[in-house]
């Protein structure tokens, strides 16, 4: 298993924090558009560390659910408010290749348009600990 401090693992934690904030605001589940971050999610799923990681970042265990689509990624402003601009990791595929064109469009416009095939979904809210306030930049 990869180290807990890889850029992909750090971004997955931030994604869970964004997901929790979006859910609290009544927004739809955030779209997972990064192959690299999603690959890290898959590596962590089913491990003994997953429940603790999810609870630390989202206040509950986060389920990984299929949710295919394409379009504007809705949660970018929330991420930027909490953590600043998206790092290159978000534009990296599961094989480590950076999509420089998509990253350049984001840097120029502040928007991300992409395809996705999964999203987070809350686990059982009755058994999960309450989420701590997330750290903002």
N, C-alpha and C. Protein backbone atom coordinates (compact mmCIF):
# COMPACT_ATOMS: atom_id res chain seq x y z
N UNK A 1 0.85 -1.18 0.00
CA UNK A 1 0.00 0.00 0.00
C UNK A 1 0.88 1.24 0.00
N UNK A 2 0.40 2.28 -0.61
CA UNK A 2 1.17 3.52 -0.70
C UNK A 2 1.20 4.24 0.64
N UNK A 3 2.16 5.10 0.77
CA UNK A 3 2.32 5.91 1.99
C UNK A 3 1.09 6.78 2.19
N UNK A 4 0.81 7.08 3.44
CA UNK A 4 -0.36 7.90 3.75
C UNK A 4 -0.18 9.35 3.36
N UNK A 5 1.03 9.76 3.04
CA UNK A 5 1.27 11.17 2.71
C UNK A 5 1.55 11.40 1.23
N UNK A 6 1.10 10.52 0.37
CA UNK A 6 1.27 10.78 -1.06
C UNK A 6 0.38 11.95 -1.45
N UNK A 7 0.73 12.66 -2.52
CA UNK A 7 -0.15 13.75 -2.97
C UNK A 7 -1.57 13.27 -3.25
N UNK A 8 -1.70 12.06 -3.78
CA UNK A 8 -3.03 11.52 -4.09
C UNK A 8 -3.83 11.28 -2.81
N UNK A 9 -3.18 10.78 -1.77
CA UNK A 9 -3.88 10.52 -0.51
C UNK A 9 -4.27 11.84 0.15
N UNK A 10 -3.38 12.81 0.11
CA UNK A 10 -3.69 14.13 0.67
C UNK A 10 -4.90 14.73 -0.05
N UNK A 11 -4.91 14.65 -1.38
CA UNK A 11 -6.03 15.20 -2.15
C UNK A 11 -7.32 14.42 -1.93
N UNK A 12 -7.23 13.12 -1.71
CA UNK A 12 -8.43 12.35 -1.40
C UNK A 12 -9.03 12.83 -0.08
N UNK A 13 -8.19 13.08 0.91
CA UNK A 13 -8.69 13.63 2.17
C UNK A 13 -9.37 14.97 1.97
N UNK A 14 -8.77 15.82 1.17
CA UNK A 14 -9.38 17.12 0.89
C UNK A 14 -10.71 16.95 0.15
N UNK A 15 -10.75 16.00 -0.79
CA UNK A 15 -11.97 15.72 -1.54
C UNK A 15 -13.08 15.27 -0.58
N UNK A 16 -12.75 14.44 0.40
CA UNK A 16 -13.75 14.02 1.38
C UNK A 16 -14.22 15.22 2.21
N UNK A 17 -13.32 16.11 2.56
CA UNK A 17 -13.71 17.31 3.32
C UNK A 17 -14.62 18.20 2.49
N UNK A 18 -14.29 18.37 1.21
CA UNK A 18 -15.15 19.14 0.30
C UNK A 18 -16.51 18.46 0.18
N UNK A 19 -16.50 17.13 0.05
CA UNK A 19 -17.75 16.37 -0.07
C UNK A 19 -18.64 16.60 1.14
N UNK A 20 -18.04 16.58 2.31
CA UNK A 20 -18.82 16.81 3.54
C UNK A 20 -19.41 18.21 3.56
N UNK A 21 -18.62 19.20 3.18
CA UNK A 21 -19.13 20.58 3.16
C UNK A 21 -20.23 20.73 2.13
N UNK A 22 -20.06 20.14 0.95
CA UNK A 22 -21.09 20.21 -0.09
C UNK A 22 -22.38 19.54 0.39
N UNK A 23 -22.26 18.40 1.06
CA UNK A 23 -23.44 17.71 1.58
C UNK A 23 -24.15 18.56 2.63
N UNK A 24 -23.38 19.20 3.51
CA UNK A 24 -23.98 20.07 4.53
C UNK A 24 -24.73 21.24 3.91
N UNK A 25 -24.29 21.68 2.73
CA UNK A 25 -24.93 22.79 2.03
C UNK A 25 -26.06 22.33 1.12
N UNK A 26 -26.35 21.02 1.11
CA UNK A 26 -27.43 20.50 0.29
C UNK A 26 -27.09 20.33 -1.17
N UNK A 27 -25.81 20.33 -1.50
CA UNK A 27 -25.36 20.18 -2.88
C UNK A 27 -25.30 18.70 -3.27
N UNK A 28 -25.25 18.43 -4.55
CA UNK A 28 -25.12 17.06 -5.03
C UNK A 28 -23.72 16.53 -4.73
N UNK A 29 -23.57 15.23 -4.79
CA UNK A 29 -22.28 14.59 -4.52
C UNK A 29 -21.23 15.08 -5.52
N UNK A 30 -20.06 15.43 -5.03
CA UNK A 30 -19.00 15.89 -5.91
C UNK A 30 -18.56 14.81 -6.90
N UNK A 31 -18.15 15.26 -8.05
CA UNK A 31 -17.72 14.37 -9.11
C UNK A 31 -16.22 14.07 -8.95
N UNK A 32 -15.85 12.78 -9.01
CA UNK A 32 -14.44 12.40 -8.94
C UNK A 32 -13.92 12.33 -10.37
N UNK A 33 -13.14 13.32 -10.76
CA UNK A 33 -12.67 13.38 -12.14
C UNK A 33 -11.20 13.03 -12.30
N UNK A 34 -10.47 12.87 -11.23
CA UNK A 34 -9.03 12.58 -11.32
C UNK A 34 -8.76 11.08 -11.27
N UNK A 35 -8.12 10.57 -12.31
CA UNK A 35 -7.74 9.17 -12.31
C UNK A 35 -6.77 8.83 -11.19
N UNK A 36 -5.84 9.73 -10.90
CA UNK A 36 -4.84 9.48 -9.86
C UNK A 36 -5.47 9.45 -8.48
N UNK A 37 -6.33 10.40 -8.18
CA UNK A 37 -6.97 10.45 -6.86
C UNK A 37 -7.94 9.28 -6.72
N UNK A 38 -8.68 8.96 -7.78
CA UNK A 38 -9.60 7.83 -7.73
C UNK A 38 -8.84 6.52 -7.53
N UNK A 39 -7.69 6.36 -8.18
CA UNK A 39 -6.88 5.15 -8.00
C UNK A 39 -6.45 5.01 -6.54
N UNK A 40 -6.10 6.13 -5.91
CA UNK A 40 -5.73 6.09 -4.49
C UNK A 40 -6.94 5.71 -3.64
N UNK A 41 -8.11 6.21 -3.99
CA UNK A 41 -9.33 5.85 -3.29
C UNK A 41 -9.54 4.34 -3.35
N UNK A 42 -9.36 3.77 -4.54
CA UNK A 42 -9.52 2.31 -4.71
C UNK A 42 -8.48 1.54 -3.90
N UNK A 43 -7.25 2.04 -3.83
CA UNK A 43 -6.21 1.37 -3.03
C UNK A 43 -6.58 1.36 -1.55
N UNK A 44 -7.21 2.42 -1.09
CA UNK A 44 -7.54 2.57 0.33
C UNK A 44 -8.82 1.83 0.71
N UNK A 45 -9.77 1.73 -0.23
CA UNK A 45 -11.04 1.05 0.05
C UNK A 45 -10.78 -0.38 0.54
N UNK A 46 -11.52 -0.79 1.53
CA UNK A 46 -11.42 -2.16 2.02
C UNK A 46 -10.24 -2.43 2.94
N UNK A 47 -9.42 -1.43 3.18
CA UNK A 47 -8.30 -1.61 4.11
C UNK A 47 -8.77 -1.29 5.52
N UNK A 48 -8.03 -1.76 6.52
CA UNK A 48 -8.40 -1.41 7.89
C UNK A 48 -8.34 0.10 8.16
N UNK A 49 -7.54 0.84 7.41
CA UNK A 49 -7.39 2.28 7.62
C UNK A 49 -8.52 3.11 7.02
N UNK A 50 -9.32 2.52 6.13
CA UNK A 50 -10.29 3.31 5.37
C UNK A 50 -11.33 3.99 6.26
N UNK A 51 -11.91 3.28 7.20
CA UNK A 51 -12.95 3.87 8.05
C UNK A 51 -12.41 5.06 8.83
N UNK A 52 -11.21 4.91 9.39
CA UNK A 52 -10.62 6.01 10.15
C UNK A 52 -10.30 7.19 9.25
N UNK A 53 -9.77 6.93 8.06
CA UNK A 53 -9.44 8.00 7.11
C UNK A 53 -10.71 8.75 6.73
N UNK A 54 -11.77 8.03 6.37
CA UNK A 54 -13.04 8.65 6.00
C UNK A 54 -13.60 9.49 7.14
N UNK A 55 -13.62 8.91 8.32
CA UNK A 55 -14.16 9.62 9.47
C UNK A 55 -13.37 10.87 9.79
N UNK A 56 -12.05 10.79 9.66
CA UNK A 56 -11.21 11.96 9.93
C UNK A 56 -11.52 13.10 8.97
N UNK A 57 -11.76 12.78 7.71
CA UNK A 57 -11.93 13.82 6.70
C UNK A 57 -13.38 14.17 6.37
N UNK A 58 -14.30 13.23 6.57
CA UNK A 58 -15.70 13.49 6.20
C UNK A 58 -16.66 13.34 7.36
N UNK A 59 -16.18 12.86 8.51
CA UNK A 59 -17.06 12.69 9.65
C UNK A 59 -17.82 11.39 9.66
N UNK A 60 -17.64 10.60 8.64
CA UNK A 60 -18.29 9.29 8.54
C UNK A 60 -17.60 8.49 7.46
N UNK A 61 -17.91 7.21 7.41
CA UNK A 61 -17.35 6.38 6.35
C UNK A 61 -18.00 6.78 5.03
N UNK A 62 -17.18 6.98 4.04
CA UNK A 62 -17.63 7.42 2.72
C UNK A 62 -17.68 6.20 1.80
N UNK A 63 -18.82 6.02 1.17
CA UNK A 63 -18.94 4.94 0.18
C UNK A 63 -18.51 5.45 -1.19
N UNK A 64 -18.00 4.56 -2.00
CA UNK A 64 -17.59 4.84 -3.38
C UNK A 64 -18.70 4.31 -4.26
N UNK A 65 -19.39 5.18 -4.99
CA UNK A 65 -20.53 4.75 -5.81
C UNK A 65 -20.34 5.20 -7.26
N UNK A 66 -20.86 4.39 -8.17
CA UNK A 66 -20.84 4.74 -9.58
C UNK A 66 -21.74 5.93 -9.84
N UNK A 67 -21.27 6.84 -10.65
CA UNK A 67 -22.04 8.04 -10.98
C UNK A 67 -21.38 8.64 -12.22
N UNK A 68 -21.76 8.15 -13.38
CA UNK A 68 -21.11 8.58 -14.62
C UNK A 68 -21.71 9.89 -15.13
N UNK A 69 -20.84 10.69 -15.70
CA UNK A 69 -21.29 11.92 -16.30
C UNK A 69 -20.15 12.69 -16.92
N UNK A 70 -20.50 13.82 -17.45
CA UNK A 70 -19.49 14.72 -18.01
C UNK A 70 -20.05 16.11 -17.98
N UNK A 71 -19.16 17.07 -17.76
CA UNK A 71 -19.60 18.46 -17.70
C UNK A 71 -18.70 19.26 -16.78
N UNK A 72 -19.25 20.37 -16.31
CA UNK A 72 -18.50 21.26 -15.41
C UNK A 72 -18.44 20.64 -14.03
N UNK A 73 -17.27 20.60 -13.44
CA UNK A 73 -17.10 20.05 -12.10
C UNK A 73 -17.58 21.11 -11.11
N UNK A 74 -18.59 20.76 -10.35
CA UNK A 74 -19.34 21.73 -9.55
C UNK A 74 -18.65 22.18 -8.26
N UNK A 75 -17.77 21.39 -7.72
CA UNK A 75 -17.24 21.65 -6.39
C UNK A 75 -15.93 22.44 -6.35
N UNK A 76 -15.43 22.87 -7.48
CA UNK A 76 -14.15 23.59 -7.53
C UNK A 76 -14.15 24.85 -6.65
N UNK A 77 -15.19 25.70 -6.68
CA UNK A 77 -15.16 26.88 -5.81
C UNK A 77 -15.06 26.53 -4.32
N UNK A 78 -15.72 25.46 -3.90
CA UNK A 78 -15.63 25.04 -2.49
C UNK A 78 -14.21 24.61 -2.16
N UNK A 79 -13.60 23.81 -3.04
CA UNK A 79 -12.22 23.39 -2.82
C UNK A 79 -11.30 24.60 -2.71
N UNK A 80 -11.43 25.53 -3.65
CA UNK A 80 -10.56 26.72 -3.64
C UNK A 80 -10.77 27.56 -2.39
N UNK A 81 -12.00 27.65 -1.92
CA UNK A 81 -12.27 28.39 -0.69
C UNK A 81 -11.58 27.74 0.51
N UNK A 82 -11.55 26.41 0.51
CA UNK A 82 -10.98 25.67 1.63
C UNK A 82 -9.46 25.51 1.55
N UNK A 83 -8.94 25.29 0.34
CA UNK A 83 -7.55 24.87 0.20
C UNK A 83 -6.72 25.65 -0.82
N UNK A 84 -7.34 26.52 -1.60
CA UNK A 84 -6.61 27.22 -2.65
C UNK A 84 -6.78 26.50 -3.99
N UNK A 85 -6.00 26.87 -5.00
CA UNK A 85 -6.14 26.28 -6.33
C UNK A 85 -5.86 24.78 -6.34
N UNK A 86 -6.51 24.09 -7.27
CA UNK A 86 -6.26 22.66 -7.45
C UNK A 86 -4.80 22.42 -7.85
N UNK A 87 -4.14 21.45 -7.23
CA UNK A 87 -2.79 21.10 -7.67
C UNK A 87 -2.83 20.19 -8.90
N UNK A 88 -1.67 19.99 -9.49
CA UNK A 88 -1.54 19.15 -10.69
C UNK A 88 -2.10 17.75 -10.50
N UNK A 89 -2.07 17.25 -9.28
CA UNK A 89 -2.56 15.89 -9.00
C UNK A 89 -3.95 15.66 -9.56
N UNK A 90 -4.79 16.69 -9.52
CA UNK A 90 -6.16 16.54 -10.01
C UNK A 90 -6.23 16.33 -11.51
N UNK A 91 -5.18 16.67 -12.22
CA UNK A 91 -5.16 16.54 -13.68
C UNK A 91 -4.29 15.38 -14.13
N UNK A 92 -4.01 14.47 -13.20
CA UNK A 92 -3.16 13.32 -13.45
C UNK A 92 -4.00 12.06 -13.55
N UNK A 93 -3.69 11.22 -14.54
CA UNK A 93 -4.45 9.98 -14.67
C UNK A 93 -3.84 8.89 -13.79
N UNK A 94 -4.45 7.73 -13.79
CA UNK A 94 -4.01 6.64 -12.93
C UNK A 94 -2.61 6.14 -13.28
N UNK A 95 -2.13 6.44 -14.48
CA UNK A 95 -0.78 6.04 -14.90
C UNK A 95 0.25 7.12 -14.65
N UNK A 96 -0.15 8.23 -14.05
CA UNK A 96 0.79 9.30 -13.72
C UNK A 96 1.00 10.35 -14.80
N UNK A 97 0.20 10.31 -15.85
CA UNK A 97 0.33 11.29 -16.93
C UNK A 97 -0.55 12.51 -16.63
N UNK A 98 0.06 13.69 -16.70
CA UNK A 98 -0.67 14.93 -16.44
C UNK A 98 -1.32 15.43 -17.74
N UNK A 99 -2.60 15.77 -17.67
CA UNK A 99 -3.31 16.36 -18.80
C UNK A 99 -3.05 17.87 -18.76
N UNK A 100 -1.99 18.29 -19.41
CA UNK A 100 -1.57 19.68 -19.36
C UNK A 100 -2.58 20.62 -20.02
N UNK A 101 -3.30 20.13 -21.00
CA UNK A 101 -4.32 20.95 -21.66
C UNK A 101 -5.46 21.27 -20.69
N UNK A 102 -5.97 20.26 -19.99
CA UNK A 102 -7.05 20.48 -19.03
C UNK A 102 -6.57 21.35 -17.87
N UNK A 103 -5.35 21.11 -17.42
CA UNK A 103 -4.80 21.91 -16.33
C UNK A 103 -4.65 23.36 -16.76
N UNK A 104 -4.20 23.60 -17.99
CA UNK A 104 -4.06 24.95 -18.51
C UNK A 104 -5.39 25.67 -18.61
N UNK A 105 -6.43 24.95 -19.05
CA UNK A 105 -7.78 25.55 -19.12
C UNK A 105 -8.25 25.95 -17.73
N UNK A 106 -8.00 25.09 -16.75
CA UNK A 106 -8.38 25.42 -15.38
C UNK A 106 -7.62 26.65 -14.90
N UNK A 107 -6.34 26.70 -15.13
CA UNK A 107 -5.53 27.84 -14.67
C UNK A 107 -6.00 29.14 -15.34
N UNK A 108 -6.46 29.05 -16.59
CA UNK A 108 -6.89 30.24 -17.32
C UNK A 108 -8.31 30.68 -16.96
N UNK A 109 -9.19 29.70 -16.67
CA UNK A 109 -10.62 30.03 -16.48
C UNK A 109 -11.14 29.81 -15.07
N UNK A 110 -10.45 28.99 -14.28
CA UNK A 110 -10.94 28.65 -12.95
C UNK A 110 -12.01 27.56 -12.96
N UNK A 111 -12.27 27.00 -14.13
CA UNK A 111 -13.27 25.95 -14.25
C UNK A 111 -12.63 24.66 -14.73
N UNK A 112 -13.27 23.55 -14.37
CA UNK A 112 -12.85 22.24 -14.86
C UNK A 112 -14.05 21.60 -15.52
N UNK A 113 -13.84 21.15 -16.74
CA UNK A 113 -14.84 20.39 -17.49
C UNK A 113 -14.22 19.02 -17.72
N UNK A 114 -14.92 17.97 -17.32
CA UNK A 114 -14.33 16.64 -17.38
C UNK A 114 -15.41 15.57 -17.38
N UNK A 115 -14.96 14.33 -17.53
CA UNK A 115 -15.81 13.16 -17.37
C UNK A 115 -15.52 12.56 -16.00
N UNK A 116 -16.49 11.86 -15.44
CA UNK A 116 -16.30 11.16 -14.18
C UNK A 116 -17.11 9.88 -14.20
N UNK A 117 -16.75 8.95 -13.32
CA UNK A 117 -17.50 7.70 -13.25
C UNK A 117 -17.82 7.27 -11.82
N UNK A 118 -17.54 8.15 -10.86
CA UNK A 118 -17.88 7.82 -9.48
C UNK A 118 -17.99 9.08 -8.63
N UNK A 119 -18.59 8.89 -7.46
CA UNK A 119 -18.78 9.98 -6.50
C UNK A 119 -18.78 9.37 -5.10
N UNK A 120 -18.60 10.20 -4.10
CA UNK A 120 -18.74 9.72 -2.73
C UNK A 120 -20.21 9.69 -2.33
N UNK A 121 -20.51 8.82 -1.40
CA UNK A 121 -21.85 8.80 -0.79
C UNK A 121 -21.65 8.52 0.69
N UNK A 122 -22.47 9.14 1.52
CA UNK A 122 -22.30 8.91 2.96
C UNK A 122 -22.58 7.47 3.33
N UNK A 123 -21.89 7.03 4.38
CA UNK A 123 -22.16 5.72 4.96
C UNK A 123 -23.35 5.85 5.89
N UNK A 124 -23.36 5.10 6.96
CA UNK A 124 -24.45 5.13 7.92
C UNK A 124 -24.25 6.29 8.88
N UNK A 125 -25.01 7.38 8.75
CA UNK A 125 -24.80 8.56 9.61
C UNK A 125 -25.09 8.31 11.08
N UNK A 126 -25.83 7.27 11.40
CA UNK A 126 -26.16 6.99 12.80
C UNK A 126 -24.95 6.45 13.57
N UNK A 127 -24.04 5.77 12.89
CA UNK A 127 -22.91 5.16 13.58
C UNK A 127 -21.61 5.93 13.40
N UNK A 128 -21.64 6.95 12.59
CA UNK A 128 -20.41 7.70 12.30
C UNK A 128 -20.21 8.82 13.32
N UNK A 129 -18.95 9.13 13.62
CA UNK A 129 -18.70 10.27 14.48
C UNK A 129 -19.01 11.56 13.76
N UNK A 130 -19.32 12.59 14.51
CA UNK A 130 -19.58 13.90 13.90
C UNK A 130 -18.28 14.47 13.36
N UNK A 131 -18.38 15.15 12.25
CA UNK A 131 -17.22 15.71 11.57
C UNK A 131 -16.73 16.94 12.32
N UNK A 132 -15.41 17.02 12.45
CA UNK A 132 -14.80 18.22 12.99
C UNK A 132 -14.80 19.27 11.89
N UNK A 133 -14.74 20.52 12.28
CA UNK A 133 -14.63 21.59 11.29
C UNK A 133 -13.35 21.39 10.50
N UNK A 134 -13.43 21.59 9.19
CA UNK A 134 -12.27 21.40 8.34
C UNK A 134 -11.35 22.61 8.41
N UNK A 135 -10.12 22.34 8.12
CA UNK A 135 -9.12 23.40 8.10
C UNK A 135 -9.21 24.15 6.79
N UNK A 136 -9.21 25.45 6.87
CA UNK A 136 -9.17 26.25 5.65
C UNK A 136 -7.78 26.84 5.54
N UNK A 137 -7.50 27.30 4.36
CA UNK A 137 -6.13 27.79 4.12
C UNK A 137 -5.84 29.05 4.82
